[in-house]
Amino acid sequence: MKRPHILTRLLPAAVLLCCLTVQASASYSAYPLRTGPHEKYLDGTPSGAFQPSASLTRAQAASIICGLLERPPIEDWPFTDVPAGAWYGQAARSLAWAGLLPDDGSGLFRPNDPITRRECAALLAHFIPPAQAAYSFPDVPSGIPDADAVFAAVSQGLFSADENGLFRPDDPMTRAETAVVLNRLLHRAPNPDELLQTSGMRSFPDVPSGHWAYAQILEASTTHQYVPVPGSAYEHWTDFVREIPRIPDGFHRVDGWLYFARDGQYLASQTVGSFSFDENGRYTTGNPALNEALAQIIRTQTNGSMTRDEMLRALYNYIRDNFTYIKRDLVSSWQTGWEPDFADGRGNCFSFAAGFQQLARAAGIEAVTVVGQLGKNRHPHGWVEITLDGVTAVYDPEIEMVYRGRGRSYDMFRFQYSSAPFRYWK
């Protein structure tokens, strides 16, 4: 998987202008960080996901930084949008009082707003020396507010420019980026190869082992013991707290991907009934390109508020309205495992049936293709059967598509053979 360039690329040499000697700011080291113990400071959601691409809010940033301080300030700042008893309230008020995450003059903290890269750099600049060199970014000219903080954060290797030499100061910080930046700030250096080979590590369904920040996220979300390795850029974990996520058993959909949990953990490299899950716990058809396509369709056509039936209807409608009919080889009744090859967006009735069957399975609903015949002339035909709540029903998106094109309306989503407008032969 290609790694995002926001944090991982080295700063282009062209932006390094000259070496300077700058006196440290008054606030530098006024509130030292707890860099000794490697305790977790990020965690997953109740569903067991990490949400690496989600934005970090200002409330979350305040809570994390306050928790990393050796001696957090205890004074308050009178924000008008921080309710009494808010889980982040003390952290927000105390950081504002200390000038680490200050009031912008409006009296508002804006707890639910994403913290931007510029705001994060300004916050972290209080814990690092000023820049020892001058930097230039087209989108962060010298002399604007927080420019020195951005340069200091870049100087210490916390941030870097993108491939165009831009800092993108107003982009939100993601949770994955936060793990990388804070690990660098805290001098934490996980060994990716070592963690990949360590059994018993906690897993997040949306952070597979190939994720660009996999090791950094584990470092941030796992309390562990470590020792430095002489001559190495990495630390060595000697022990870690094993956490069993309390996830309800059964299927789970996360960002379009299907997972299966048992005994509170997501399964990996296992098969449950007709559902196979890969080494990252994701449902797999055996065809990586098809896996990606199915996840993308589910991600864009469904949402977490849908009922099972609403989700099925949305996926059925997608196949009916987006697959293209072309002549294609027929499927014989004795053939098995043909569906992934036919679910490519175009073809005959067997392609429509395969597309819907593969989508339904990728959404965690068992679906079976039927190779049979249709009508009084018994033309070869393919369709889908799904058994829900003890009742087996028929789904035929290709026939509905054909008759809609002829100006006739047949609802072929979930019907009984006895009520079909045509004779189905199995």
Protein backbone atom coordinates (compact mmCIF):
# COMPACT_ATOMS: atom_id res chain seq x y z
CA MET A 1 0.00 0.00 0.00
CA LYS A 2 1.32 3.41 -0.92
CA ARG A 3 2.04 5.52 2.13
CA PRO A 4 0.60 9.02 2.37
CA HIS A 5 3.27 11.64 1.88
CA ILE A 6 2.00 14.10 4.51
CA LEU A 7 4.22 12.86 7.29
CA THR A 8 6.57 10.34 5.80
CA ARG A 9 8.41 12.26 3.10
CA LEU A 10 11.63 14.03 3.98
CA LEU A 11 11.52 17.80 3.70
CA PRO A 12 12.89 18.75 0.28
CA ALA A 13 16.37 20.19 0.51
CA ALA A 14 15.27 23.22 -1.47
CA VAL A 15 13.29 24.61 1.44
CA LEU A 16 16.27 24.58 3.78
CA LEU A 17 17.65 28.11 3.51
CA CYS A 18 20.23 28.78 6.19
CA CYS A 19 21.35 27.92 9.69
CA LEU A 20 20.34 30.22 12.48
CA THR A 21 20.84 30.44 16.21
CA VAL A 22 17.60 31.33 18.00
CA GLN A 23 17.06 31.67 21.73
CA ALA A 24 14.57 29.20 23.19
CA SER A 25 11.09 30.49 23.95
CA ALA A 26 10.06 31.09 27.53
CA SER A 27 7.53 28.29 27.47
CA TYR A 28 9.88 25.61 26.14
CA SER A 29 10.17 22.84 28.75
CA ALA A 30 7.93 24.71 31.20
CA TYR A 31 5.64 21.65 31.10
CA PRO A 32 7.77 18.54 30.50
CA LEU A 33 6.29 15.48 28.82
CA ARG A 34 6.27 11.97 30.23
CA THR A 35 8.65 10.34 27.78
CA GLY A 36 9.81 7.48 30.01
CA PRO A 37 6.89 5.06 30.28
CA HIS A 38 5.43 3.96 26.96
CA GLU A 39 1.80 4.00 27.98
CA LYS A 40 -0.96 4.13 25.40
CA TYR A 41 -2.39 7.55 24.67
CA LEU A 42 -4.71 6.63 21.78
CA ASP A 43 -7.39 3.98 21.74
CA GLY A 44 -10.01 2.46 19.50
CA THR A 45 -13.74 2.99 19.28
CA PRO A 46 -16.32 0.86 21.12
CA SER A 47 -16.74 -1.17 17.91
CA GLY A 48 -13.03 -2.02 17.94
CA ALA A 49 -12.03 0.22 15.02
CA PHE A 50 -9.28 2.83 15.17
CA GLN A 51 -10.52 5.21 12.45
CA PRO A 52 -7.04 6.20 11.22
CA SER A 53 -8.37 8.65 8.63
CA ALA A 54 -10.76 10.41 11.00
CA SER A 55 -9.90 13.95 12.04
CA LEU A 56 -8.59 14.55 15.55
CA THR A 57 -10.80 17.09 17.32
CA ARG A 58 -9.53 19.91 19.47
CA ALA A 59 -11.16 18.25 22.48
CA GLN A 60 -9.32 15.00 21.78
CA ALA A 61 -6.03 16.84 21.25
CA ALA A 62 -6.37 18.66 24.56
CA SER A 63 -7.15 15.45 26.42
CA ILE A 64 -4.21 13.59 24.88
CA ILE A 65 -1.63 16.31 25.50
CA CYS A 66 -2.83 16.94 29.04
CA GLY A 67 -2.49 13.22 29.75
CA LEU A 68 1.09 13.23 28.50
CA LEU A 69 2.27 16.05 30.79
CA GLU A 70 4.37 15.30 33.85
CA ARG A 71 2.53 17.98 35.84
CA PRO A 72 -0.63 19.16 34.08
CA PRO A 73 -1.78 22.69 34.97
CA ILE A 74 -4.75 22.74 37.32
CA GLU A 75 -6.00 26.29 36.72
CA ASP A 76 -9.08 27.06 34.63
CA TRP A 77 -9.86 29.25 31.66
CA PRO A 78 -13.42 30.55 31.19
CA PHE A 79 -14.50 29.10 27.85
CA THR A 80 -18.14 29.70 26.97
CA ASP A 81 -18.56 26.52 24.90
CA VAL A 82 -17.07 23.99 27.33
CA PRO A 83 -19.93 22.62 29.46
CA ALA A 84 -19.37 21.80 33.09
CA GLY A 85 -18.50 18.14 33.43
CA ALA A 86 -17.39 17.74 29.80
CA TRP A 87 -14.92 14.85 29.52
CA TYR A 88 -12.34 17.16 27.94
CA GLY A 89 -13.23 20.24 30.02
CA GLN A 90 -10.40 20.28 32.55
CA ALA A 91 -7.81 19.56 29.87
CA ALA A 92 -9.10 22.34 27.60
CA ARG A 93 -9.30 24.92 30.37
CA SER A 94 -5.92 24.09 31.93
CA LEU A 95 -4.07 24.04 28.59
CA ALA A 96 -5.62 27.39 27.70
CA TRP A 97 -4.59 28.88 31.04
CA ALA A 98 -1.03 27.68 30.46
CA GLY A 99 -1.00 29.19 26.98
CA LEU A 100 -0.47 25.81 25.31
CA LEU A 101 -3.82 25.75 23.49
CA PRO A 102 -4.96 29.32 24.00
CA ASP A 103 -8.24 31.12 23.59
CA ASP A 104 -8.30 32.83 20.21
CA GLY A 105 -9.99 35.88 21.68
CA SER A 106 -13.52 34.73 20.97
CA GLY A 107 -14.05 32.99 24.30
CA LEU A 108 -14.65 29.74 22.41
CA PHE A 109 -12.69 26.51 22.51
CA ARG A 110 -14.45 24.86 19.53
CA PRO A 111 -14.10 21.35 20.98
CA ASN A 112 -15.61 19.50 18.02
CA ASP A 113 -13.60 21.28 15.33
CA PRO A 114 -10.69 19.31 13.86
CA ILE A 115 -7.32 20.49 15.03
CA THR A 116 -5.36 21.62 12.00
CA ARG A 117 -1.73 20.91 11.18
CA ARG A 118 -0.89 24.52 11.99
CA GLU A 119 -2.72 24.41 15.34
CA CYS A 120 -1.07 21.10 16.19
CA ALA A 121 2.37 22.48 15.35
CA ALA A 122 1.68 25.55 17.52
CA LEU A 123 0.68 23.29 20.41
CA LEU A 124 3.69 20.98 20.10
CA ALA A 125 6.13 23.87 19.65
CA HIS A 126 5.86 24.47 23.40
CA PHE A 127 7.70 21.17 23.99
CA ILE A 128 10.57 21.49 21.51
CA PRO A 129 13.39 23.96 20.87
CA PRO A 130 12.88 26.69 18.29
CA ALA A 131 14.01 25.97 14.76
CA GLN A 132 17.75 26.05 14.26
CA ALA A 133 17.28 26.71 10.56
CA ALA A 134 14.93 28.81 8.48
CA TYR A 135 12.37 27.08 6.31
CA SER A 136 10.14 28.38 3.57
CA PHE A 137 6.80 26.97 2.47
CA PRO A 138 4.66 28.65 -0.18
CA ASP A 139 1.64 28.27 2.11
CA VAL A 140 3.44 29.27 5.35
CA PRO A 141 5.34 32.48 4.66
CA SER A 142 7.61 33.81 7.38
CA GLY A 143 6.08 36.35 9.71
CA ILE A 144 2.52 35.03 9.78
CA PRO A 145 1.07 33.72 13.06
CA ASP A 146 2.40 30.30 14.03
CA ALA A 147 5.04 30.30 11.27
CA ASP A 148 7.83 29.91 13.83
CA ALA A 149 5.93 27.03 15.47
CA VAL A 150 5.56 25.29 12.11
CA PHE A 151 9.27 25.74 11.38
CA ALA A 152 10.19 24.40 14.84
CA ALA A 153 8.00 21.31 14.34
CA VAL A 154 9.56 20.69 10.94
CA SER A 155 13.05 21.27 12.34
CA GLN A 156 12.48 18.56 14.94
CA GLY A 157 11.20 16.11 12.32
CA LEU A 158 7.63 16.06 13.62
CA PHE A 159 6.16 17.24 10.31
CA SER A 160 7.36 17.39 6.74
CA ALA A 161 6.32 18.98 3.48
CA ASP A 162 4.41 17.19 0.77
CA GLU A 163 5.75 16.40 -2.69
CA ASN A 164 4.99 19.95 -3.81
CA GLY A 165 6.83 21.53 -0.90
CA LEU A 166 3.59 22.54 0.84
CA PHE A 167 2.89 22.25 4.54
CA ARG A 168 -0.92 22.49 4.19
CA PRO A 169 -1.42 24.31 7.49
CA ASP A 170 -5.22 24.22 7.45
CA ASP A 171 -5.59 20.49 6.73
CA PRO A 172 -7.05 18.56 9.67
CA MET A 173 -4.81 16.20 11.61
CA THR A 174 -5.91 12.60 11.20
CA ARG A 175 -5.67 10.05 13.99
CA ALA A 176 -2.98 8.12 12.11
CA GLU A 177 -0.93 11.28 11.57
CA THR A 178 -1.36 12.14 15.24
CA ALA A 179 0.16 8.81 16.24
CA VAL A 180 3.18 9.43 14.00
CA VAL A 181 3.75 13.01 15.13
CA LEU A 182 3.35 12.33 18.85
CA ASN A 183 5.54 9.24 18.71
CA ARG A 184 8.26 11.40 17.19
CA LEU A 185 7.70 14.05 19.85
CA LEU A 186 7.97 11.42 22.60
CA HIS A 187 10.99 9.74 20.96
CA ARG A 188 9.13 6.49 20.48
CA ALA A 189 10.46 4.34 17.66
CA PRO A 190 8.56 1.08 17.05
CA ASN A 191 10.14 -1.56 14.84
CA PRO A 192 7.57 -2.43 12.13
CA ASP A 193 9.12 -5.80 11.28
CA GLU A 194 9.28 -6.81 14.94
CA LEU A 195 5.66 -5.90 15.63
CA LEU A 196 4.45 -7.75 12.53
CA GLN A 197 6.05 -10.92 13.88
CA THR A 198 4.79 -10.53 17.46
CA SER A 199 1.80 -12.68 18.35
CA GLY A 200 -0.96 -11.45 20.61
CA MET A 201 -0.87 -7.86 19.37
CA ARG A 202 -4.15 -5.99 19.46
CA SER A 203 -5.81 -5.56 16.09
CA PHE A 204 -7.98 -2.92 14.55
CA PRO A 205 -10.07 -3.95 11.54
CA ASP A 206 -9.35 -0.66 9.78
CA VAL A 207 -5.58 -0.81 10.41
CA PRO A 208 -4.35 -3.89 8.52
CA SER A 209 -0.72 -4.91 8.74
CA GLY A 210 -0.06 -3.17 5.44
CA HIS A 211 -1.33 0.19 6.65
CA TRP A 212 1.32 2.91 6.30
CA ALA A 213 1.08 3.79 10.02
CA TYR A 214 0.50 0.25 11.38
CA ALA A 215 3.49 0.17 13.75
CA GLN A 216 3.03 3.78 14.84
CA ILE A 217 -0.62 3.18 15.72
CA LEU A 218 0.28 0.09 17.77
CA GLU A 219 2.96 2.13 19.54
CA ALA A 220 0.42 4.79 20.44
CA SER A 221 -2.36 2.42 21.45
CA THR A 222 -0.47 -0.29 23.36
CA THR A 223 1.11 0.07 26.81
CA HIS A 224 4.44 -1.74 26.63
CA GLN A 225 7.88 -2.19 28.13
CA TYR A 226 10.87 -1.52 25.93
CA VAL A 227 14.63 -1.19 25.78
CA PRO A 228 16.65 0.93 23.36
CA VAL A 229 18.69 -1.00 20.82
CA PRO A 230 22.26 0.32 20.48
CA GLY A 231 23.06 1.23 16.92
CA SER A 232 19.44 0.92 15.83
CA ALA A 233 16.81 3.52 15.05
CA TYR A 234 14.22 1.35 16.74
CA GLU A 235 13.26 0.28 20.25
CA HIS A 236 12.73 -3.34 21.26
CA TRP A 237 9.52 -4.32 23.05
CA THR A 238 10.17 -6.66 25.98
CA ASP A 239 6.54 -6.97 27.08
CA PHE A 240 3.17 -5.37 26.41
CA VAL A 241 -0.33 -5.27 27.85
CA ARG A 242 -2.53 -7.65 25.91
CA GLU A 243 -5.92 -6.13 25.34
CA ILE A 244 -8.90 -8.16 24.20
CA PRO A 245 -11.37 -5.89 22.43
CA ARG A 246 -14.90 -6.45 23.70
CA ILE A 247 -16.58 -6.69 20.33
CA PRO A 248 -19.95 -8.44 19.93
CA ASP A 249 -19.70 -11.76 18.11
CA GLY A 250 -20.82 -11.77 14.50
CA PHE A 251 -20.29 -9.75 11.35
CA HIS A 252 -19.09 -6.15 11.46
CA ARG A 253 -18.82 -3.68 8.59
CA VAL A 254 -16.08 -1.07 8.91
CA ASP A 255 -15.47 1.44 6.12
CA GLY A 256 -17.00 -0.88 3.54
CA TRP A 257 -15.09 -3.98 4.67
CA LEU A 258 -16.62 -7.01 6.34
CA TYR A 259 -15.11 -8.58 9.46
CA PHE A 260 -16.20 -11.35 11.81
CA ALA A 261 -15.73 -11.30 15.58
CA ARG A 262 -15.67 -14.28 17.91
CA ASP A 263 -14.98 -14.19 21.64
CA GLY A 264 -14.43 -10.44 21.45
CA GLN A 265 -11.81 -10.48 18.68
CA TYR A 266 -11.81 -10.22 14.90
CA LEU A 267 -10.86 -13.43 13.14
CA ALA A 268 -8.02 -13.49 10.64
CA SER A 269 -6.96 -16.16 8.11
CA GLN A 270 -10.05 -18.19 8.93
CA THR A 271 -13.28 -19.30 7.27
CA VAL A 272 -16.73 -19.00 8.79
CA GLY A 273 -19.27 -20.95 6.78
CA SER A 274 -18.85 -19.72 3.20
CA PHE A 275 -17.11 -16.51 4.31
CA SER A 276 -13.31 -16.40 4.13
CA PHE A 277 -11.28 -13.76 5.95
CA ASP A 278 -7.72 -12.82 5.06
CA GLU A 279 -4.68 -12.18 7.26
CA ASN A 280 -6.02 -8.72 8.06
CA GLY A 281 -9.44 -10.03 9.06
CA ARG A 282 -11.20 -8.73 5.96
CA TYR A 283 -13.69 -10.79 3.99
CA THR A 284 -12.11 -11.91 0.76
CA THR A 285 -13.42 -13.33 -2.49
CA GLY A 286 -9.95 -14.46 -3.43
CA ASN A 287 -9.73 -11.63 -5.96
CA PRO A 288 -8.06 -8.50 -4.52
CA ALA A 289 -9.42 -6.19 -7.22
CA LEU A 290 -12.96 -7.46 -6.65
CA ASN A 291 -12.54 -7.11 -2.89
CA GLU A 292 -11.65 -3.42 -3.33
CA ALA A 293 -14.55 -2.85 -5.74
CA LEU A 294 -17.09 -4.48 -3.42
CA ALA A 295 -15.87 -2.47 -0.42
CA GLN A 296 -16.07 0.76 -2.42
CA ILE A 297 -19.65 0.05 -3.52
CA ILE A 298 -20.75 -0.81 0.01
CA ARG A 299 -18.97 2.29 1.32
CA THR A 300 -20.72 4.61 -1.12
CA GLN A 301 -24.14 2.98 -1.42
CA THR A 302 -24.89 2.11 2.21
CA ASN A 303 -24.52 3.66 5.65
CA GLY A 304 -24.61 2.54 9.25
CA SER A 305 -28.15 3.78 9.83
CA MET A 306 -29.64 1.42 7.25
CA THR A 307 -31.51 -1.68 8.29
CA ARG A 308 -30.46 -5.00 6.80
CA ASP A 309 -33.31 -4.84 4.28
CA GLU A 310 -32.56 -1.24 3.29
CA MET A 311 -28.93 -2.15 2.73
CA LEU A 312 -29.87 -5.14 0.56
CA ARG A 313 -32.25 -3.00 -1.47
CA ALA A 314 -29.53 -0.36 -2.03
CA LEU A 315 -27.07 -2.99 -3.25
CA TYR A 316 -29.69 -4.65 -5.46
CA ASN A 317 -30.59 -1.28 -7.00
CA TYR A 318 -26.91 -0.59 -7.64
CA ILE A 319 -26.55 -3.79 -9.67
CA ARG A 320 -29.82 -3.20 -11.52
CA ASP A 321 -28.92 0.37 -12.46
CA ASN A 322 -25.17 0.17 -13.05
CA PHE A 323 -24.38 -3.18 -14.61
CA THR A 324 -24.23 -3.24 -18.42
CA TYR A 325 -25.81 -6.05 -20.40
CA ILE A 326 -23.63 -7.73 -23.04
CA LYS A 327 -23.60 -11.20 -24.51
CA ARG A 328 -21.43 -13.55 -22.53
CA ASP A 329 -20.82 -17.24 -22.03
CA LEU A 330 -23.51 -19.10 -20.15
CA VAL A 331 -22.93 -20.94 -16.90
CA SER A 332 -23.72 -24.64 -16.52
CA SER A 333 -25.53 -25.96 -13.49
CA TRP A 334 -22.56 -28.09 -12.49
CA GLN A 335 -20.13 -25.14 -12.34
CA THR A 336 -19.00 -23.80 -8.96
CA GLY A 337 -16.95 -20.80 -7.91
CA TRP A 338 -17.71 -18.90 -11.13
CA GLU A 339 -19.22 -15.83 -9.47
CA PRO A 340 -16.07 -13.69 -8.86
CA ASP A 341 -15.14 -13.92 -12.53
CA PHE A 342 -18.62 -12.81 -13.63
CA ALA A 343 -19.08 -9.98 -11.10
CA ASP A 344 -17.18 -7.41 -13.15
CA GLY A 345 -19.90 -4.90 -14.01
CA ARG A 346 -21.06 -6.16 -17.36
CA GLY A 347 -22.47 -9.31 -18.88
CA ASN A 348 -25.63 -11.40 -19.02
CA CYS A 349 -28.04 -12.55 -16.32
CA PHE A 350 -25.30 -14.60 -14.67
CA SER A 351 -23.16 -11.47 -14.31
CA PHE A 352 -26.01 -9.54 -12.70
CA ALA A 353 -26.69 -12.46 -10.34
CA ALA A 354 -22.99 -12.84 -9.51
CA GLY A 355 -22.62 -9.11 -8.84
CA PHE A 356 -25.51 -9.02 -6.41
CA GLN A 357 -24.49 -12.26 -4.72
CA GLN A 358 -20.93 -11.04 -4.20
CA LEU A 359 -22.13 -7.69 -2.84
CA ALA A 360 -24.57 -9.35 -0.45
CA ARG A 361 -21.84 -11.63 0.90
CA ALA A 362 -19.41 -8.73 1.23
CA ALA A 363 -22.09 -7.08 3.37
CA GLY A 364 -22.37 -10.17 5.60
CA ILE A 365 -25.53 -11.71 4.12
CA GLU A 366 -25.38 -15.22 2.76
CA ALA A 367 -26.55 -15.30 -0.84
CA VAL A 368 -26.60 -18.19 -3.30
CA THR A 369 -26.66 -18.02 -7.08
CA VAL A 370 -29.01 -20.33 -8.93
CA VAL A 371 -28.27 -21.58 -12.44
CA GLY A 372 -31.62 -22.55 -13.91
CA GLN A 373 -34.12 -21.75 -16.61
CA LEU A 374 -36.79 -19.09 -17.11
CA GLY A 375 -40.19 -18.92 -18.82
CA LYS A 376 -42.19 -21.35 -20.85
CA ASN A 377 -39.30 -21.78 -23.30
CA ARG A 378 -36.95 -22.49 -20.40
CA HIS A 379 -34.18 -20.13 -21.44
CA PRO A 380 -30.95 -20.50 -19.43
CA HIS A 381 -31.05 -17.97 -16.61
CA GLY A 382 -29.28 -17.05 -13.39
CA TRP A 383 -30.65 -15.42 -10.25
CA VAL A 384 -30.04 -15.21 -6.50
CA GLU A 385 -31.67 -16.80 -3.47
CA ILE A 386 -31.34 -15.40 0.04
CA THR A 387 -32.83 -16.95 3.16
CA LEU A 388 -33.73 -14.41 5.85
CA ASP A 389 -35.69 -15.06 9.02
CA GLY A 390 -36.36 -18.60 7.85
CA VAL A 391 -37.85 -17.57 4.50
CA THR A 392 -36.09 -18.12 1.17
CA ALA A 393 -36.74 -15.45 -1.44
CA VAL A 394 -35.67 -14.76 -5.02
CA TYR A 395 -33.76 -11.69 -6.31
CA ASP A 396 -33.44 -11.07 -10.05
CA PRO A 397 -31.89 -7.66 -10.89
CA GLU A 398 -31.24 -8.50 -14.56
CA ILE A 399 -34.90 -9.24 -15.39
CA GLU A 400 -36.03 -6.08 -13.62
CA MET A 401 -33.45 -4.06 -15.58
CA VAL A 402 -34.61 -5.55 -18.90
CA TYR A 403 -38.29 -4.80 -18.35
CA ARG A 404 -37.63 -1.31 -17.00
CA GLY A 405 -35.91 -0.62 -20.31
CA ARG A 406 -39.06 -1.76 -22.09
CA GLY A 407 -41.23 0.56 -20.04
CA ARG A 408 -42.71 -2.22 -17.89
CA SER A 409 -42.30 -2.29 -14.11
CA TYR A 410 -41.57 -5.52 -12.29
CA ASP A 411 -40.22 -5.47 -8.74
CA MET A 412 -37.91 -8.47 -8.69
CA PHE A 413 -36.42 -7.71 -5.28
CA ARG A 414 -37.37 -10.43 -2.82
CA PHE A 415 -40.29 -12.49 -4.06
CA GLN A 416 -41.53 -16.05 -3.80
CA TYR A 417 -41.44 -18.44 -6.73
CA SER A 418 -45.19 -18.84 -6.45
CA SER A 419 -45.77 -15.12 -6.99
CA ALA A 420 -43.23 -14.60 -9.79
CA PRO A 421 -44.49 -13.11 -13.08
CA PHE A 422 -42.49 -15.79 -14.91
CA ARG A 423 -41.89 -19.48 -14.36
CA TYR A 424 -38.53 -20.24 -12.73
CA TRP A 425 -37.06 -23.71 -13.25
CA LYS A 426 -34.34 -24.90 -10.86
